[in-house]
Amino acid sequence: IKFLKDALYGNVGASRINRGRVYFTSYSLTGGLRHTISPLSLLNANVGMEILNYNTGGNTSAMHAGLQFSRRARYVTLNAGYSRELNTASGVSTIPTLVDLFYVNTGIRHSVNLSSNFSANYAINKSTRGNEIDTRSYNLSARLSCLFRTWLDGNISISHLNQFSETPISSDTLGYQEVKRIQVIFQLSIYPPSSGRK
């Protein structure tokens, strides 16, 4: 449904997810509103419910939601928001987790050939049952991209991840686990004349 500055939308979904001997069917229902603040600004909000039915019996249900603000200008774009989702893929664990994510990212076009991107997010992961998973993390990243020639471009990116968990490794372990990672990636791409790149 569309109005002058608003649009209402909805989504109904169903899927089957296999995790070894355990599989479950996911049912979701979502409703949202997109509000045009100005020709350059947009606010998007949604809320819904997801239910997981397990083949072993029982079910898990959780509310999901999202709120995003987007702003674009001639050379700069900005996205900031919050999302809450049910994550069915939690590494070696078969227990789904609830993920609360706060994020902000911005892109800047410095010139025709040079652009950059900066992003930051903070995430909270918790098991829907018990306390097998209870982690918090933040990630900071920056990327610089440059077009040297029509057939040659490159980019360099750097990111810093800090993740810590209140779940002990064993019954003899106290305190929390902490993981830190700094990653630097440099990429150079060459396009042959037959690619049609201009």
C-alpha atoms as a PDB file:
ATOM      1  CA  ILE A   1       0.000   0.000   0.000  1.00  0.00           C
ATOM      2  CA  LYS A   2       1.532   3.320  -1.059  1.00  0.00           C
ATOM      3  CA  PHE A   3       0.739   6.787   0.201  1.00  0.00           C
ATOM      4  CA  LEU A   4       2.289  10.127  -0.692  1.00  0.00           C
ATOM      5  CA  LYS A   5       5.317   9.635   1.584  1.00  0.00           C
ATOM      6  CA  ASP A   6       4.685   6.225   3.135  1.00  0.00           C
ATOM      7  CA  ALA A   7       4.532   2.622   1.946  1.00  0.00           C
ATOM      8  CA  LEU A   8       3.230  -0.296   3.983  1.00  0.00           C
ATOM      9  CA  TYR A   9       4.591  -3.751   3.173  1.00  0.00           C
ATOM     10  CA  GLY A  10       4.349  -7.290   4.464  1.00  0.00           C
ATOM     11  CA  ASN A  11       5.996 -10.654   3.984  1.00  0.00           C
ATOM     12  CA  VAL A  12       5.020 -14.243   4.826  1.00  0.00           C
ATOM     13  CA  GLY A  13       7.634 -16.988   4.526  1.00  0.00           C
ATOM     14  CA  ALA A  14       8.238 -20.664   5.203  1.00  0.00           C
ATOM     15  CA  SER A  15      11.428 -22.707   4.831  1.00  0.00           C
ATOM     16  CA  ARG A  16      12.966 -25.988   5.975  1.00  0.00           C
ATOM     17  CA  ILE A  17      16.441 -25.990   7.507  1.00  0.00           C
ATOM     18  CA  ASN A  18      18.575 -29.125   7.970  1.00  0.00           C
ATOM     19  CA  ARG A  19      21.242 -29.327  10.700  1.00  0.00           C
ATOM     20  CA  GLY A  20      22.431 -32.922  10.549  1.00  0.00           C
ATOM     21  CA  ARG A  21      19.943 -35.163  12.323  1.00  0.00           C
ATOM     22  CA  VAL A  22      18.021 -32.162  13.522  1.00  0.00           C
ATOM     23  CA  TYR A  23      15.873 -30.246  11.085  1.00  0.00           C
ATOM     24  CA  PHE A  24      13.123 -27.722  11.556  1.00  0.00           C
ATOM     25  CA  THR A  25      10.595 -25.704   9.610  1.00  0.00           C
ATOM     26  CA  SER A  26      10.634 -21.930   9.899  1.00  0.00           C
ATOM     27  CA  TYR A  27       7.503 -19.784   9.567  1.00  0.00           C
ATOM     28  CA  SER A  28       7.777 -16.008   9.544  1.00  0.00           C
ATOM     29  CA  LEU A  29       5.439 -13.044   9.312  1.00  0.00           C
ATOM     30  CA  THR A  30       6.706  -9.468   8.885  1.00  0.00           C
ATOM     31  CA  GLY A  31       5.056  -6.083   8.477  1.00  0.00           C
ATOM     32  CA  GLY A  32       6.755  -2.761   7.935  1.00  0.00           C
ATOM     33  CA  LEU A  33       6.584   0.897   6.991  1.00  0.00           C
ATOM     34  CA  ARG A  34       8.861   2.907   4.698  1.00  0.00           C
ATOM     35  CA  HIS A  35       8.586   6.632   5.342  1.00  0.00           C
ATOM     36  CA  THR A  36      10.121   9.196   2.992  1.00  0.00           C
ATOM     37  CA  ILE A  37      11.383  12.033   5.176  1.00  0.00           C
ATOM     38  CA  SER A  38      12.737  13.969   2.201  1.00  0.00           C
ATOM     39  CA  PRO A  39      13.866  13.181  -1.350  1.00  0.00           C
ATOM     40  CA  LEU A  40      17.254  12.253   0.137  1.00  0.00           C
ATOM     41  CA  SER A  41      16.217  10.626   3.455  1.00  0.00           C
ATOM     42  CA  LEU A  42      14.305   7.432   4.171  1.00  0.00           C
ATOM     43  CA  LEU A  43      13.174   5.702   7.378  1.00  0.00           C
ATOM     44  CA  ASN A  44      12.330   1.996   7.304  1.00  0.00           C
ATOM     45  CA  ALA A  45      10.769   0.153  10.260  1.00  0.00           C
ATOM     46  CA  ASN A  46       9.498  -3.428  10.478  1.00  0.00           C
ATOM     47  CA  VAL A  47       8.433  -5.964  13.078  1.00  0.00           C
ATOM     48  CA  GLY A  48       7.375  -9.586  12.931  1.00  0.00           C
ATOM     49  CA  MET A  49       7.418 -13.065  14.402  1.00  0.00           C
ATOM     50  CA  GLU A  50       9.284 -16.265  13.507  1.00  0.00           C
ATOM     51  CA  ILE A  51       8.452 -19.783  14.700  1.00  0.00           C
ATOM     52  CA  LEU A  52      10.708 -22.848  14.396  1.00  0.00           C
ATOM     53  CA  ASN A  53       9.100 -26.308  14.576  1.00  0.00           C
ATOM     54  CA  TYR A  54      11.616 -29.113  15.269  1.00  0.00           C
ATOM     55  CA  ASN A  55      11.374 -32.683  13.975  1.00  0.00           C
ATOM     56  CA  THR A  56      12.256 -33.837  17.504  1.00  0.00           C
ATOM     57  CA  GLY A  57       9.232 -32.036  18.901  1.00  0.00           C
ATOM     58  CA  GLY A  58       8.837 -28.634  20.473  1.00  0.00           C
ATOM     59  CA  ASN A  59       9.233 -25.217  18.934  1.00  0.00           C
ATOM     60  CA  THR A  60      11.005 -21.891  19.362  1.00  0.00           C
ATOM     61  CA  SER A  61       9.448 -18.510  18.670  1.00  0.00           C
ATOM     62  CA  ALA A  62      10.973 -15.041  18.657  1.00  0.00           C
ATOM     63  CA  MET A  63      10.104 -11.528  17.612  1.00  0.00           C
ATOM     64  CA  HIS A  64      12.260  -9.867  14.971  1.00  0.00           C
ATOM     65  CA  ALA A  65      12.413  -6.162  14.174  1.00  0.00           C
ATOM     66  CA  GLY A  66      14.397  -3.580  12.296  1.00  0.00           C
ATOM     67  CA  LEU A  67      14.828   0.172  12.135  1.00  0.00           C
ATOM     68  CA  GLN A  68      16.994   1.887   9.515  1.00  0.00           C
ATOM     69  CA  PHE A  69      17.690   5.484   8.592  1.00  0.00           C
ATOM     70  CA  SER A  70      19.217   6.199   5.180  1.00  0.00           C
ATOM     71  CA  ARG A  71      20.520   9.495   3.877  1.00  0.00           C
ATOM     72  CA  ARG A  72      22.201  10.195   0.574  1.00  0.00           C
ATOM     73  CA  ALA A  73      23.799  13.316  -0.794  1.00  0.00           C
ATOM     74  CA  ARG A  74      25.826  14.075  -3.880  1.00  0.00           C
ATOM     75  CA  TYR A  75      29.023  12.518  -2.585  1.00  0.00           C
ATOM     76  CA  VAL A  76      28.047  10.868   0.716  1.00  0.00           C
ATOM     77  CA  THR A  77      25.670   8.068   1.716  1.00  0.00           C
ATOM     78  CA  LEU A  78      24.773   7.138   5.307  1.00  0.00           C
ATOM     79  CA  ASN A  79      22.965   4.133   6.756  1.00  0.00           C
ATOM     80  CA  ALA A  80      22.354   3.601  10.466  1.00  0.00           C
ATOM     81  CA  GLY A  81      20.013   1.312  12.297  1.00  0.00           C
ATOM     82  CA  TYR A  82      19.156  -1.617  14.516  1.00  0.00           C
ATOM     83  CA  SER A  83      17.981  -5.142  13.728  1.00  0.00           C
ATOM     84  CA  ARG A  84      16.872  -8.117  15.800  1.00  0.00           C
ATOM     85  CA  GLU A  85      16.837 -11.495  14.071  1.00  0.00           C
ATOM     86  CA  LEU A  86      16.620 -15.198  14.810  1.00  0.00           C
ATOM     87  CA  ASN A  87      19.810 -16.866  13.553  1.00  0.00           C
ATOM     88  CA  THR A  88      19.471 -20.598  12.874  1.00  0.00           C
ATOM     89  CA  ALA A  89      23.164 -21.080  11.942  1.00  0.00           C
ATOM     90  CA  SER A  90      25.320 -20.769  15.072  1.00  0.00           C
ATOM     91  CA  GLY A  91      28.495 -22.615  14.144  1.00  0.00           C
ATOM     92  CA  VAL A  92      28.682 -26.044  15.779  1.00  0.00           C
ATOM     93  CA  SER A  93      25.594 -25.403  17.901  1.00  0.00           C
ATOM     94  CA  THR A  94      22.143 -26.549  16.778  1.00  0.00           C
ATOM     95  CA  ILE A  95      20.457 -24.069  19.112  1.00  0.00           C
ATOM     96  CA  PRO A  96      19.234 -20.909  17.330  1.00  0.00           C
ATOM     97  CA  THR A  97      20.388 -17.551  18.649  1.00  0.00           C
ATOM     98  CA  LEU A  98      18.822 -14.127  18.887  1.00  0.00           C
ATOM     99  CA  VAL A  99      21.028 -11.471  17.307  1.00  0.00           C
ATOM    100  CA  ASP A 100      20.711  -7.786  18.228  1.00  0.00           C
ATOM    101  CA  LEU A 101      22.745  -5.656  15.824  1.00  0.00           C
ATOM    102  CA  PHE A 102      23.455  -1.925  15.956  1.00  0.00           C
ATOM    103  CA  TYR A 103      25.241  -0.551  12.907  1.00  0.00           C
ATOM    104  CA  VAL A 104      26.311   2.544  11.023  1.00  0.00           C
ATOM    105  CA  ASN A 105      28.120   2.828   7.708  1.00  0.00           C
ATOM    106  CA  THR A 106      28.957   5.628   5.346  1.00  0.00           C
ATOM    107  CA  GLY A 107      30.295   5.843   1.827  1.00  0.00           C
ATOM    108  CA  ILE A 108      32.151   8.816   0.353  1.00  0.00           C
ATOM    109  CA  ARG A 109      32.888   9.460  -3.311  1.00  0.00           C
ATOM    110  CA  HIS A 110      35.965  11.673  -3.327  1.00  0.00           C
ATOM    111  CA  SER A 111      36.294  11.815  -7.115  1.00  0.00           C
ATOM    112  CA  VAL A 112      35.347   9.890 -10.228  1.00  0.00           C
ATOM    113  CA  ASN A 113      38.124   7.386  -9.521  1.00  0.00           C
ATOM    114  CA  LEU A 114      38.381   7.406  -5.717  1.00  0.00           C
ATOM    115  CA  SER A 115      35.867   6.319  -3.060  1.00  0.00           C
ATOM    116  CA  SER A 116      35.921   5.156   0.563  1.00  0.00           C
ATOM    117  CA  ASN A 117      33.659   3.369   3.020  1.00  0.00           C
ATOM    118  CA  PHE A 118      33.588   3.293   6.828  1.00  0.00           C
ATOM    119  CA  SER A 119      31.440   1.016   8.992  1.00  0.00           C
ATOM    120  CA  ALA A 120      30.952   0.062  12.629  1.00  0.00           C
ATOM    121  CA  ASN A 121      28.641  -2.406  14.328  1.00  0.00           C
ATOM    122  CA  TYR A 122      27.951  -3.905  17.735  1.00  0.00           C
ATOM    123  CA  ALA A 123      26.269  -7.315  18.007  1.00  0.00           C
ATOM    124  CA  ILE A 124      24.804  -9.382  20.841  1.00  0.00           C
ATOM    125  CA  ASN A 125      24.224 -13.129  20.299  1.00  0.00           C
ATOM    126  CA  LYS A 126      22.280 -15.181  22.836  1.00  0.00           C
ATOM    127  CA  SER A 127      20.896 -18.715  22.738  1.00  0.00           C
ATOM    128  CA  THR A 128      17.124 -18.979  22.631  1.00  0.00           C
ATOM    129  CA  ARG A 129      17.407 -21.800  25.195  1.00  0.00           C
ATOM    130  CA  GLY A 130      19.945 -22.036  27.993  1.00  0.00           C
ATOM    131  CA  ASN A 131      23.229 -20.117  27.954  1.00  0.00           C
ATOM    132  CA  GLU A 132      25.322 -22.143  25.505  1.00  0.00           C
ATOM    133  CA  ILE A 133      25.944 -18.999  23.439  1.00  0.00           C
ATOM    134  CA  ASP A 134      26.288 -15.545  24.978  1.00  0.00           C
ATOM    135  CA  THR A 135      28.655 -13.354  22.972  1.00  0.00           C
ATOM    136  CA  ARG A 136      29.105  -9.679  22.270  1.00  0.00           C
ATOM    137  CA  SER A 137      31.267  -8.193  19.568  1.00  0.00           C
ATOM    138  CA  TYR A 138      32.112  -4.995  17.784  1.00  0.00           C
ATOM    139  CA  ASN A 139      33.640  -4.571  14.355  1.00  0.00           C
ATOM    140  CA  LEU A 140      35.249  -1.484  12.820  1.00  0.00           C
ATOM    141  CA  SER A 141      36.273  -1.387   9.174  1.00  0.00           C
ATOM    142  CA  ALA A 142      37.447   1.036   6.493  1.00  0.00           C
ATOM    143  CA  ARG A 143      37.986   0.602   2.769  1.00  0.00           C
ATOM    144  CA  LEU A 144      39.566   2.723   0.063  1.00  0.00           C
ATOM    145  CA  SER A 145      38.915   1.967  -3.623  1.00  0.00           C
ATOM    146  CA  CYS A 146      40.665   3.481  -6.622  1.00  0.00           C
ATOM    147  CA  LEU A 147      40.200   3.138 -10.376  1.00  0.00           C
ATOM    148  CA  PHE A 148      43.660   3.526 -11.946  1.00  0.00           C
ATOM    149  CA  ARG A 149      42.687   2.705 -15.526  1.00  0.00           C
ATOM    150  CA  THR A 150      39.604   1.363 -17.270  1.00  0.00           C
ATOM    151  CA  TRP A 151      41.240  -2.068 -17.083  1.00  0.00           C
ATOM    152  CA  LEU A 152      42.850  -1.743 -13.632  1.00  0.00           C
ATOM    153  CA  ASP A 153      41.404  -1.010 -10.194  1.00  0.00           C
ATOM    154  CA  GLY A 154      42.377  -1.764  -6.628  1.00  0.00           C
ATOM    155  CA  ASN A 155      41.272  -1.423  -3.035  1.00  0.00           C
ATOM    156  CA  ILE A 156      42.688  -1.736   0.437  1.00  0.00           C
ATOM    157  CA  SER A 157      40.637  -2.493   3.537  1.00  0.00           C
ATOM    158  CA  ILE A 158      41.346  -2.824   7.238  1.00  0.00           C
ATOM    159  CA  SER A 159      39.055  -4.192   9.941  1.00  0.00           C
ATOM    160  CA  HIS A 160      39.218  -4.756  13.676  1.00  0.00           C
ATOM    161  CA  LEU A 161      37.016  -7.333  15.441  1.00  0.00           C
ATOM    162  CA  ASN A 162      36.714  -7.754  19.195  1.00  0.00           C
ATOM    163  CA  GLN A 163      34.461 -10.550  20.457  1.00  0.00           C
ATOM    164  CA  PHE A 164      33.976 -11.673  24.031  1.00  0.00           C
ATOM    165  CA  SER A 165      31.747 -14.273  25.637  1.00  0.00           C
ATOM    166  CA  GLU A 166      30.354 -14.809  29.117  1.00  0.00           C
ATOM    167  CA  THR A 167      30.116 -18.570  28.433  1.00  0.00           C
ATOM    168  CA  PRO A 168      33.072 -20.465  29.988  1.00  0.00           C
ATOM    169  CA  ILE A 169      35.041 -22.970  27.901  1.00  0.00           C
ATOM    170  CA  SER A 170      34.607 -25.590  30.644  1.00  0.00           C
ATOM    171  CA  SER A 171      33.302 -25.869  34.176  1.00  0.00           C
ATOM    172  CA  ASP A 172      36.829 -25.084  35.424  1.00  0.00           C
ATOM    173  CA  THR A 173      37.047 -21.856  33.416  1.00  0.00           C
ATOM    174  CA  LEU A 174      35.956 -18.606  34.984  1.00  0.00           C
ATOM    175  CA  GLY A 175      35.492 -15.178  33.430  1.00  0.00           C
ATOM    176  CA  TYR A 176      34.934 -14.614  29.752  1.00  0.00           C
ATOM    177  CA  GLN A 177      36.578 -15.605  26.491  1.00  0.00           C
ATOM    178  CA  GLU A 178      37.938 -12.875  24.244  1.00  0.00           C
ATOM    179  CA  VAL A 179      38.910 -12.949  20.587  1.00  0.00           C
ATOM    180  CA  LYS A 180      40.638 -10.075  18.796  1.00  0.00           C
ATOM    181  CA  ARG A 181      41.423  -9.852  15.102  1.00  0.00           C
ATOM    182  CA  ILE A 182      42.939  -7.212  12.868  1.00  0.00           C
ATOM    183  CA  GLN A 183      42.712  -7.902   9.149  1.00  0.00           C
ATOM    184  CA  VAL A 184      44.262  -6.012   6.238  1.00  0.00           C
ATOM    185  CA  ILE A 185      43.378  -6.909   2.640  1.00  0.00           C
ATOM    186  CA  PHE A 186      44.852  -5.477  -0.534  1.00  0.00           C
ATOM    187  CA  GLN A 187      43.243  -6.374  -3.843  1.00  0.00           C
ATOM    188  CA  LEU A 188      44.226  -5.537  -7.418  1.00  0.00           C
ATOM    189  CA  SER A 189      41.935  -6.408 -10.351  1.00  0.00           C
ATOM    190  CA  ILE A 190      42.855  -6.513 -14.039  1.00  0.00           C
ATOM    191  CA  TYR A 191      40.134  -6.652 -16.697  1.00  0.00           C
ATOM    192  CA  PRO A 192      40.917  -7.941 -20.211  1.00  0.00           C
ATOM    193  CA  PRO A 193      39.747  -5.892 -23.202  1.00  0.00           C
ATOM    194  CA  SER A 194      37.125  -8.547 -24.004  1.00  0.00           C
ATOM    195  CA  SER A 195      35.303  -7.827 -20.705  1.00  0.00           C
ATOM    196  CA  GLY A 196      33.672  -4.738 -22.232  1.00  0.00           C
ATOM    197  CA  ARG A 197      34.554  -2.608 -19.181  1.00  0.00           C
ATOM    198  CA  LYS A 198      34.539   1.142 -19.870  1.00  0.00           C
END
